[in-house]
Amino acid sequence: MTKEECKQVVLDIIAEIAPDEDLSNISPDVRLRDQLDLDSMDFLDIVMELRKQYGIEVPEEDYPQLASLDSCAEYLTPKFKEVSA
């Protein structure tokens, strides 16, 4: 999976858990919580969906690496490769 595909996965999950959010103008390098009305429970929902839908475990100490779309892609791309291998 490419980094762009990873970003789309994250956006798709956000669209599921926060359907009222406008995801059309997300800046990939700005913290998602600064751009969207996401609270800590929404963030946990993203992590849970990654595990449920894709089998990707994100340890709590790695949560800061999921701050922006770019950082999500950096962190998740190798994880997707591990899961699909």
PDB file of N, CA and C in Angstrom:
ATOM      1  N   MET A   1       0.847  -1.182   0.000  1.00  0.00           N
ATOM      2  CA  MET A   1       0.000   0.000   0.000  1.00  0.00           C
ATOM      3  C   MET A   1       0.893   1.246   0.000  1.00  0.00           C
ATOM      4  N   THR A   2       0.529   2.206  -0.830  1.00  0.00           N
ATOM      5  CA  THR A   2       1.322   3.436  -0.923  1.00  0.00           C
ATOM      6  C   THR A   2       0.952   4.391   0.206  1.00  0.00           C
ATOM      7  N   LYS A   3       1.761   5.432   0.365  1.00  0.00           N
ATOM      8  CA  LYS A   3       1.462   6.440   1.387  1.00  0.00           C
ATOM      9  C   LYS A   3       0.150   7.152   1.080  1.00  0.00           C
ATOM     10  N   GLU A   4      -0.107   7.396  -0.193  1.00  0.00           N
ATOM     11  CA  GLU A   4      -1.370   8.050  -0.566  1.00  0.00           C
ATOM     12  C   GLU A   4      -2.561   7.162  -0.218  1.00  0.00           C
ATOM     13  N   GLU A   5      -2.415   5.847  -0.441  1.00  0.00           N
ATOM     14  CA  GLU A   5      -3.489   4.921  -0.092  1.00  0.00           C
ATOM     15  C   GLU A   5      -3.701   4.879   1.423  1.00  0.00           C
ATOM     16  N   CYS A   6      -2.608   4.955   2.176  1.00  0.00           N
ATOM     17  CA  CYS A   6      -2.714   5.007   3.646  1.00  0.00           C
ATOM     18  C   CYS A   6      -3.476   6.246   4.085  1.00  0.00           C
ATOM     19  N   LYS A   7      -3.166   7.373   3.476  1.00  0.00           N
ATOM     20  CA  LYS A   7      -3.876   8.608   3.818  1.00  0.00           C
ATOM     21  C   LYS A   7      -5.366   8.451   3.540  1.00  0.00           C
ATOM     22  N   GLN A   8      -5.692   7.810   2.419  1.00  0.00           N
ATOM     23  CA  GLN A   8      -7.108   7.626   2.072  1.00  0.00           C
ATOM     24  C   GLN A   8      -7.794   6.703   3.075  1.00  0.00           C
ATOM     25  N   VAL A   9      -7.104   5.667   3.532  1.00  0.00           N
ATOM     26  CA  VAL A   9      -7.663   4.777   4.549  1.00  0.00           C
ATOM     27  C   VAL A   9      -8.004   5.569   5.803  1.00  0.00           C
ATOM     28  N   VAL A  10      -7.075   6.417   6.245  1.00  0.00           N
ATOM     29  CA  VAL A  10      -7.307   7.222   7.446  1.00  0.00           C
ATOM     30  C   VAL A  10      -8.494   8.174   7.220  1.00  0.00           C
ATOM     31  N   LEU A  11      -8.543   8.816   6.065  1.00  0.00           N
ATOM     32  CA  LEU A  11      -9.667   9.708   5.762  1.00  0.00           C
ATOM     33  C   LEU A  11     -10.990   8.944   5.729  1.00  0.00           C
ATOM     34  N   ASP A  12     -10.981   7.741   5.178  1.00  0.00           N
ATOM     35  CA  ASP A  12     -12.199   6.929   5.129  1.00  0.00           C
ATOM     36  C   ASP A  12     -12.680   6.589   6.544  1.00  0.00           C
ATOM     37  N   ILE A  13     -11.735   6.260   7.417  1.00  0.00           N
ATOM     38  CA  ILE A  13     -12.096   5.943   8.799  1.00  0.00           C
ATOM     39  C   ILE A  13     -12.659   7.184   9.488  1.00  0.00           C
ATOM     40  N   ILE A  14     -12.011   8.325   9.284  1.00  0.00           N
ATOM     41  CA  ILE A  14     -12.517   9.565   9.887  1.00  0.00           C
ATOM     42  C   ILE A  14     -13.922   9.863   9.370  1.00  0.00           C
ATOM     43  N   ALA A  15     -14.149   9.639   8.087  1.00  0.00           N
ATOM     44  CA  ALA A  15     -15.479   9.883   7.507  1.00  0.00           C
ATOM     45  C   ALA A  15     -16.531   8.983   8.156  1.00  0.00           C
ATOM     46  N   GLU A  16     -16.129   7.769   8.540  1.00  0.00           N
ATOM     47  CA  GLU A  16     -17.065   6.856   9.206  1.00  0.00           C
ATOM     48  C   GLU A  16     -17.388   7.324  10.616  1.00  0.00           C
ATOM     49  N   ILE A  17     -16.365   7.753  11.363  1.00  0.00           N
ATOM     50  CA  ILE A  17     -16.596   8.070  12.778  1.00  0.00           C
ATOM     51  C   ILE A  17     -17.042   9.517  12.992  1.00  0.00           C
ATOM     52  N   ALA A  18     -16.769  10.374  12.029  1.00  0.00           N
ATOM     53  CA  ALA A  18     -17.179  11.783  12.141  1.00  0.00           C
ATOM     54  C   ALA A  18     -17.783  12.227  10.812  1.00  0.00           C
ATOM     55  N   PRO A  19     -18.967  11.715  10.495  1.00  0.00           N
ATOM     56  CA  PRO A  19     -19.552  11.972   9.165  1.00  0.00           C
ATOM     57  C   PRO A  19     -19.855  13.432   8.868  1.00  0.00           C
ATOM     58  N   ASP A  20     -19.934  14.265   9.897  1.00  0.00           N
ATOM     59  CA  ASP A  20     -20.242  15.683   9.675  1.00  0.00           C
ATOM     60  C   ASP A  20     -19.018  16.523   9.348  1.00  0.00           C
ATOM     61  N   GLU A  21     -17.833  15.943   9.465  1.00  0.00           N
ATOM     62  CA  GLU A  21     -16.603  16.698   9.204  1.00  0.00           C
ATOM     63  C   GLU A  21     -16.381  16.866   7.704  1.00  0.00           C
ATOM     64  N   ASP A  22     -15.902  18.040   7.317  1.00  0.00           N
ATOM     65  CA  ASP A  22     -15.544  18.311   5.924  1.00  0.00           C
ATOM     66  C   ASP A  22     -14.073  17.910   5.743  1.00  0.00           C
ATOM     67  N   LEU A  23     -13.842  16.852   4.994  1.00  0.00           N
ATOM     68  CA  LEU A  23     -12.485  16.329   4.812  1.00  0.00           C
ATOM     69  C   LEU A  23     -11.842  16.796   3.514  1.00  0.00           C
ATOM     70  N   SER A  24     -12.501  17.704   2.813  1.00  0.00           N
ATOM     71  CA  SER A  24     -12.013  18.097   1.491  1.00  0.00           C
ATOM     72  C   SER A  24     -10.787  19.009   1.537  1.00  0.00           C
ATOM     73  N   ASN A  25     -10.580  19.719   2.642  1.00  0.00           N
ATOM     74  CA  ASN A  25      -9.467  20.674   2.698  1.00  0.00           C
ATOM     75  C   ASN A  25      -8.448  20.331   3.782  1.00  0.00           C
ATOM     76  N   ILE A  26      -8.239  19.060   4.004  1.00  0.00           N
ATOM     77  CA  ILE A  26      -7.290  18.639   5.040  1.00  0.00           C
ATOM     78  C   ILE A  26      -5.871  18.897   4.552  1.00  0.00           C
ATOM     79  N   SER A  27      -5.092  19.581   5.375  1.00  0.00           N
ATOM     80  CA  SER A  27      -3.666  19.766   5.081  1.00  0.00           C
ATOM     81  C   SER A  27      -2.911  18.547   5.614  1.00  0.00           C
ATOM     82  N   PRO A  28      -2.160  17.865   4.777  1.00  0.00           N
ATOM     83  CA  PRO A  28      -1.530  16.616   5.202  1.00  0.00           C
ATOM     84  C   PRO A  28      -0.473  16.786   6.289  1.00  0.00           C
ATOM     85  N   ASP A  29       0.064  18.000   6.439  1.00  0.00           N
ATOM     86  CA  ASP A  29       1.153  18.192   7.399  1.00  0.00           C
ATOM     87  C   ASP A  29       0.712  18.902   8.682  1.00  0.00           C
ATOM     88  N   VAL A  30      -0.593  19.119   8.844  1.00  0.00           N
ATOM     89  CA  VAL A  30      -1.114  19.791  10.041  1.00  0.00           C
ATOM     90  C   VAL A  30      -1.848  18.742  10.888  1.00  0.00           C
ATOM     91  N   ARG A  31      -1.684  18.861  12.194  1.00  0.00           N
ATOM     92  CA  ARG A  31      -2.340  17.907  13.092  1.00  0.00           C
ATOM     93  C   ARG A  31      -3.831  17.797  12.793  1.00  0.00           C
ATOM     94  N   LEU A  32      -4.311  16.571  12.698  1.00  0.00           N
ATOM     95  CA  LEU A  32      -5.724  16.341  12.399  1.00  0.00           C
ATOM     96  C   LEU A  32      -6.624  16.971  13.461  1.00  0.00           C
ATOM     97  N   ARG A  33      -6.224  16.883  14.725  1.00  0.00           N
ATOM     98  CA  ARG A  33      -7.062  17.438  15.792  1.00  0.00           C
ATOM     99  C   ARG A  33      -7.105  18.958  15.737  1.00  0.00           C
ATOM    100  N   ASP A  34      -6.137  19.590  15.081  1.00  0.00           N
ATOM    101  CA  ASP A  34      -6.173  21.039  14.909  1.00  0.00           C
ATOM    102  C   ASP A  34      -7.083  21.444  13.750  1.00  0.00           C
ATOM    103  N   GLN A  35      -7.339  20.515  12.842  1.00  0.00           N
ATOM    104  CA  GLN A  35      -8.153  20.821  11.665  1.00  0.00           C
ATOM    105  C   GLN A  35      -9.597  20.348  11.795  1.00  0.00           C
ATOM    106  N   LEU A  36      -9.790  19.324  12.583  1.00  0.00           N
ATOM    107  CA  LEU A  36     -11.106  18.707  12.702  1.00  0.00           C
ATOM    108  C   LEU A  36     -11.555  18.731  14.157  1.00  0.00           C
ATOM    109  N   ASP A  37     -12.825  18.587  14.344  1.00  0.00           N
ATOM    110  CA  ASP A  37     -13.371  18.561  15.694  1.00  0.00           C
ATOM    111  C   ASP A  37     -13.330  17.122  16.223  1.00  0.00           C
ATOM    112  N   LEU A  38     -12.101  16.629  16.438  1.00  0.00           N
ATOM    113  CA  LEU A  38     -11.911  15.265  16.937  1.00  0.00           C
ATOM    114  C   LEU A  38     -11.474  15.323  18.393  1.00  0.00           C
ATOM    115  N   ASP A  39     -12.120  14.515  19.217  1.00  0.00           N
ATOM    116  CA  ASP A  39     -11.676  14.433  20.603  1.00  0.00           C
ATOM    117  C   ASP A  39     -10.883  13.134  20.797  1.00  0.00           C
ATOM    118  N   SER A  40     -10.473  12.876  22.019  1.00  0.00           N
ATOM    119  CA  SER A  40      -9.636  11.705  22.262  1.00  0.00           C
ATOM    120  C   SER A  40     -10.390  10.406  21.981  1.00  0.00           C
ATOM    121  N   MET A  41     -11.697  10.391  22.194  1.00  0.00           N
ATOM    122  CA  MET A  41     -12.471   9.186  21.876  1.00  0.00           C
ATOM    123  C   MET A  41     -12.520   8.946  20.372  1.00  0.00           C
ATOM    124  N   ASP A  42     -12.644  10.017  19.586  1.00  0.00           N
ATOM    125  CA  ASP A  42     -12.615   9.867  18.130  1.00  0.00           C
ATOM    126  C   ASP A  42     -11.273   9.295  17.691  1.00  0.00           C
ATOM    127  N   PHE A  43     -10.211   9.798  18.308  1.00  0.00           N
ATOM    128  CA  PHE A  43      -8.879   9.311  17.960  1.00  0.00           C
ATOM    129  C   PHE A  43      -8.758   7.820  18.287  1.00  0.00           C
ATOM    130  N   LEU A  44      -9.268   7.419  19.445  1.00  0.00           N
ATOM    131  CA  LEU A  44      -9.243   6.000  19.801  1.00  0.00           C
ATOM    132  C   LEU A  44     -10.078   5.176  18.827  1.00  0.00           C
ATOM    133  N   ASP A  45     -11.172   5.751  18.355  1.00  0.00           N
ATOM    134  CA  ASP A  45     -11.984   5.052  17.352  1.00  0.00           C
ATOM    135  C   ASP A  45     -11.189   4.805  16.071  1.00  0.00           C
ATOM    136  N   ILE A  46     -10.363   5.768  15.677  1.00  0.00           N
ATOM    137  CA  ILE A  46      -9.514   5.592  14.491  1.00  0.00           C
ATOM    138  C   ILE A  46      -8.571   4.404  14.716  1.00  0.00           C
ATOM    139  N   VAL A  47      -7.936   4.380  15.878  1.00  0.00           N
ATOM    140  CA  VAL A  47      -7.007   3.292  16.205  1.00  0.00           C
ATOM    141  C   VAL A  47      -7.743   1.950  16.216  1.00  0.00           C
ATOM    142  N   MET A  48      -8.943   1.926  16.804  1.00  0.00           N
ATOM    143  CA  MET A  48      -9.720   0.685  16.872  1.00  0.00           C
ATOM    144  C   MET A  48     -10.132   0.211  15.475  1.00  0.00           C
ATOM    145  N   GLU A  49     -10.506   1.141  14.618  1.00  0.00           N
ATOM    146  CA  GLU A  49     -10.893   0.771  13.254  1.00  0.00           C
ATOM    147  C   GLU A  49      -9.694   0.226  12.472  1.00  0.00           C
ATOM    148  N   LEU A  50      -8.525   0.801  12.685  1.00  0.00           N
ATOM    149  CA  LEU A  50      -7.320   0.268  12.023  1.00  0.00           C
ATOM    150  C   LEU A  50      -7.107  -1.183  12.426  1.00  0.00           C
ATOM    151  N   ARG A  51      -7.333  -1.478  13.695  1.00  0.00           N
ATOM    152  CA  ARG A  51      -7.163  -2.855  14.162  1.00  0.00           C
ATOM    153  C   ARG A  51      -8.272  -3.747  13.618  1.00  0.00           C
ATOM    154  N   LYS A  52      -9.519  -3.271  13.702  1.00  0.00           N
ATOM    155  CA  LYS A  52     -10.655  -4.098  13.293  1.00  0.00           C
ATOM    156  C   LYS A  52     -10.661  -4.363  11.785  1.00  0.00           C
ATOM    157  N   GLN A  53     -10.460  -3.311  10.997  1.00  0.00           N
ATOM    158  CA  GLN A  53     -10.574  -3.454   9.541  1.00  0.00           C
ATOM    159  C   GLN A  53      -9.310  -4.008   8.884  1.00  0.00           C
ATOM    160  N   TYR A  54      -8.144  -3.698   9.471  1.00  0.00           N
ATOM    161  CA  TYR A  54      -6.896  -4.019   8.776  1.00  0.00           C
ATOM    162  C   TYR A  54      -5.925  -4.861   9.594  1.00  0.00           C
ATOM    163  N   GLY A  55      -6.264  -5.149  10.863  1.00  0.00           N
ATOM    164  CA  GLY A  55      -5.383  -5.950  11.700  1.00  0.00           C
ATOM    165  C   GLY A  55      -4.111  -5.232  12.119  1.00  0.00           C
ATOM    166  N   ILE A  56      -4.156  -3.899  12.124  1.00  0.00           N
ATOM    167  CA  ILE A  56      -2.974  -3.108  12.481  1.00  0.00           C
ATOM    168  C   ILE A  56      -3.087  -2.660  13.934  1.00  0.00           C
ATOM    169  N   GLU A  57      -2.102  -3.073  14.724  1.00  0.00           N
ATOM    170  CA  GLU A  57      -2.036  -2.679  16.130  1.00  0.00           C
ATOM    171  C   GLU A  57      -1.201  -1.406  16.248  1.00  0.00           C
ATOM    172  N   VAL A  58      -1.729  -0.428  16.956  1.00  0.00           N
ATOM    173  CA  VAL A  58      -0.987   0.806  17.222  1.00  0.00           C
ATOM    174  C   VAL A  58      -0.824   0.916  18.735  1.00  0.00           C
ATOM    175  N   PRO A  59       0.388   0.659  19.250  1.00  0.00           N
ATOM    176  CA  PRO A  59       0.582   0.788  20.693  1.00  0.00           C
ATOM    177  C   PRO A  59       0.384   2.232  21.151  1.00  0.00           C
ATOM    178  N   GLU A  60      -0.054   2.394  22.383  1.00  0.00           N
ATOM    179  CA  GLU A  60      -0.371   3.729  22.894  1.00  0.00           C
ATOM    180  C   GLU A  60       0.804   4.694  22.778  1.00  0.00           C
ATOM    181  N   GLU A  61       2.013   4.196  22.966  1.00  0.00           N
ATOM    182  CA  GLU A  61       3.177   5.095  22.888  1.00  0.00           C
ATOM    183  C   GLU A  61       3.419   5.608  21.465  1.00  0.00           C
ATOM    184  N   ASP A  62       2.791   4.976  20.472  1.00  0.00           N
ATOM    185  CA  ASP A  62       2.935   5.416  19.082  1.00  0.00           C
ATOM    186  C   ASP A  62       1.823   6.370  18.636  1.00  0.00           C
ATOM    187  N   TYR A  63       0.838   6.633  19.481  1.00  0.00           N
ATOM    188  CA  TYR A  63      -0.271   7.506  19.102  1.00  0.00           C
ATOM    189  C   TYR A  63       0.189   8.856  18.554  1.00  0.00           C
ATOM    190  N   PRO A  64       1.226   9.486  19.136  1.00  0.00           N
ATOM    191  CA  PRO A  64       1.656  10.783  18.587  1.00  0.00           C
ATOM    192  C   PRO A  64       2.084  10.713  17.121  1.00  0.00           C
ATOM    193  N   GLN A  65       2.463   9.530  16.653  1.00  0.00           N
ATOM    194  CA  GLN A  65       2.875   9.395  15.259  1.00  0.00           C
ATOM    195  C   GLN A  65       1.692   9.430  14.297  1.00  0.00           C
ATOM    196  N   LEU A  66       0.489   9.451  14.835  1.00  0.00           N
ATOM    197  CA  LEU A  66      -0.718   9.523  14.000  1.00  0.00           C
ATOM    198  C   LEU A  66      -1.346  10.911  14.036  1.00  0.00           C
ATOM    199  N   ALA A  67      -0.534  11.915  14.313  1.00  0.00           N
ATOM    200  CA  ALA A  67      -1.067  13.273  14.496  1.00  0.00           C
ATOM    201  C   ALA A  67      -1.590  13.881  13.205  1.00  0.00           C
ATOM    202  N   SER A  68      -0.832  13.766  12.113  1.00  0.00           N
ATOM    203  CA  SER A  68      -1.239  14.366  10.832  1.00  0.00           C
ATOM    204  C   SER A  68      -1.394  13.264   9.789  1.00  0.00           C
ATOM    205  N   LEU A  69      -1.961  13.619   8.652  1.00  0.00           N
ATOM    206  CA  LEU A  69      -2.086  12.624   7.579  1.00  0.00           C
ATOM    207  C   LEU A  69      -0.715  12.145   7.119  1.00  0.00           C
ATOM    208  N   ASP A  70       0.232  13.078   6.990  1.00  0.00           N
ATOM    209  CA  ASP A  70       1.585  12.686   6.568  1.00  0.00           C
ATOM    210  C   ASP A  70       2.223  11.732   7.566  1.00  0.00           C
ATOM    211  N   SER A  71       2.102  12.058   8.860  1.00  0.00           N
ATOM    212  CA  SER A  71       2.716  11.181   9.854  1.00  0.00           C
ATOM    213  C   SER A  71       1.994   9.837   9.922  1.00  0.00           C
ATOM    214  N   CYS A  72       0.690   9.834   9.706  1.00  0.00           N
ATOM    215  CA  CYS A  72      -0.055   8.574   9.627  1.00  0.00           C
ATOM    216  C   CYS A  72       0.491   7.701   8.501  1.00  0.00           C
ATOM    217  N   ALA A  73       0.693   8.313   7.339  1.00  0.00           N
ATOM    218  CA  ALA A  73       1.198   7.569   6.187  1.00  0.00           C
ATOM    219  C   ALA A  73       2.597   7.020   6.460  1.00  0.00           C
ATOM    220  N   GLU A  74       3.451   7.847   7.060  1.00  0.00           N
ATOM    221  CA  GLU A  74       4.815   7.397   7.395  1.00  0.00           C
ATOM    222  C   GLU A  74       4.774   6.194   8.336  1.00  0.00           C
ATOM    223  N   TYR A  75       3.910   6.265   9.326  1.00  0.00           N
ATOM    224  CA  TYR A  75       3.841   5.220  10.341  1.00  0.00           C
ATOM    225  C   TYR A  75       3.140   3.967   9.814  1.00  0.00           C
ATOM    226  N   LEU A  76       2.041   4.157   9.080  1.00  0.00           N
ATOM    227  CA  LEU A  76       1.193   3.029   8.702  1.00  0.00           C
ATOM    228  C   LEU A  76       1.656   2.271   7.465  1.00  0.00           C
ATOM    229  N   THR A  77       2.339   2.924   6.539  1.00  0.00           N
ATOM    230  CA  THR A  77       2.742   2.244   5.309  1.00  0.00           C
ATOM    231  C   THR A  77       3.510   0.959   5.593  1.00  0.00           C
ATOM    232  N   PRO A  78       4.547   0.968   6.429  1.00  0.00           N
ATOM    233  CA  PRO A  78       5.228  -0.302   6.710  1.00  0.00           C
ATOM    234  C   PRO A  78       4.343  -1.303   7.465  1.00  0.00           C
ATOM    235  N   LYS A  79       3.405  -0.803   8.277  1.00  0.00           N
ATOM    236  CA  LYS A  79       2.506  -1.696   9.014  1.00  0.00           C
ATOM    237  C   LYS A  79       1.569  -2.433   8.039  1.00  0.00           C
ATOM    238  N   PHE A  80       1.075  -1.722   7.017  1.00  0.00           N
ATOM    239  CA  PHE A  80       0.238  -2.360   6.019  1.00  0.00           C
ATOM    240  C   PHE A  80       1.025  -3.429   5.249  1.00  0.00           C
ATOM    241  N   LYS A  81       2.314  -3.142   4.991  1.00  0.00           N
ATOM    242  CA  LYS A  81       3.137  -4.119   4.279  1.00  0.00           C
ATOM    243  C   LYS A  81       3.333  -5.372   5.129  1.00  0.00           C
ATOM    244  N   GLU A  82       3.507  -5.203   6.458  1.00  0.00           N
ATOM    245  CA  GLU A  82       3.657  -6.357   7.353  1.00  0.00           C
ATOM    246  C   GLU A  82       2.388  -7.200   7.358  1.00  0.00           C
ATOM    247  N   VAL A  83       1.236  -6.545   7.438  1.00  0.00           N
ATOM    248  CA  VAL A  83      -0.041  -7.258   7.530  1.00  0.00           C
ATOM    249  C   VAL A  83      -0.337  -8.016   6.227  1.00  0.00           C
ATOM    250  N   SER A  84       0.005  -7.421   5.096  1.00  0.00           N
ATOM    251  CA  SER A  84      -0.321  -8.057   3.810  1.00  0.00           C
ATOM    252  C   SER A  84       0.739  -9.071   3.387  1.00  0.00           C
ATOM    253  N   ALA A  85       1.847  -9.120   4.077  1.00  0.00           N
ATOM    254  CA  ALA A  85       2.925 -10.052   3.699  1.00  0.00           C
ATOM    255  C   ALA A  85       2.575 -11.474   4.076  1.00  0.00           C
TER     256      ALA A  85
END
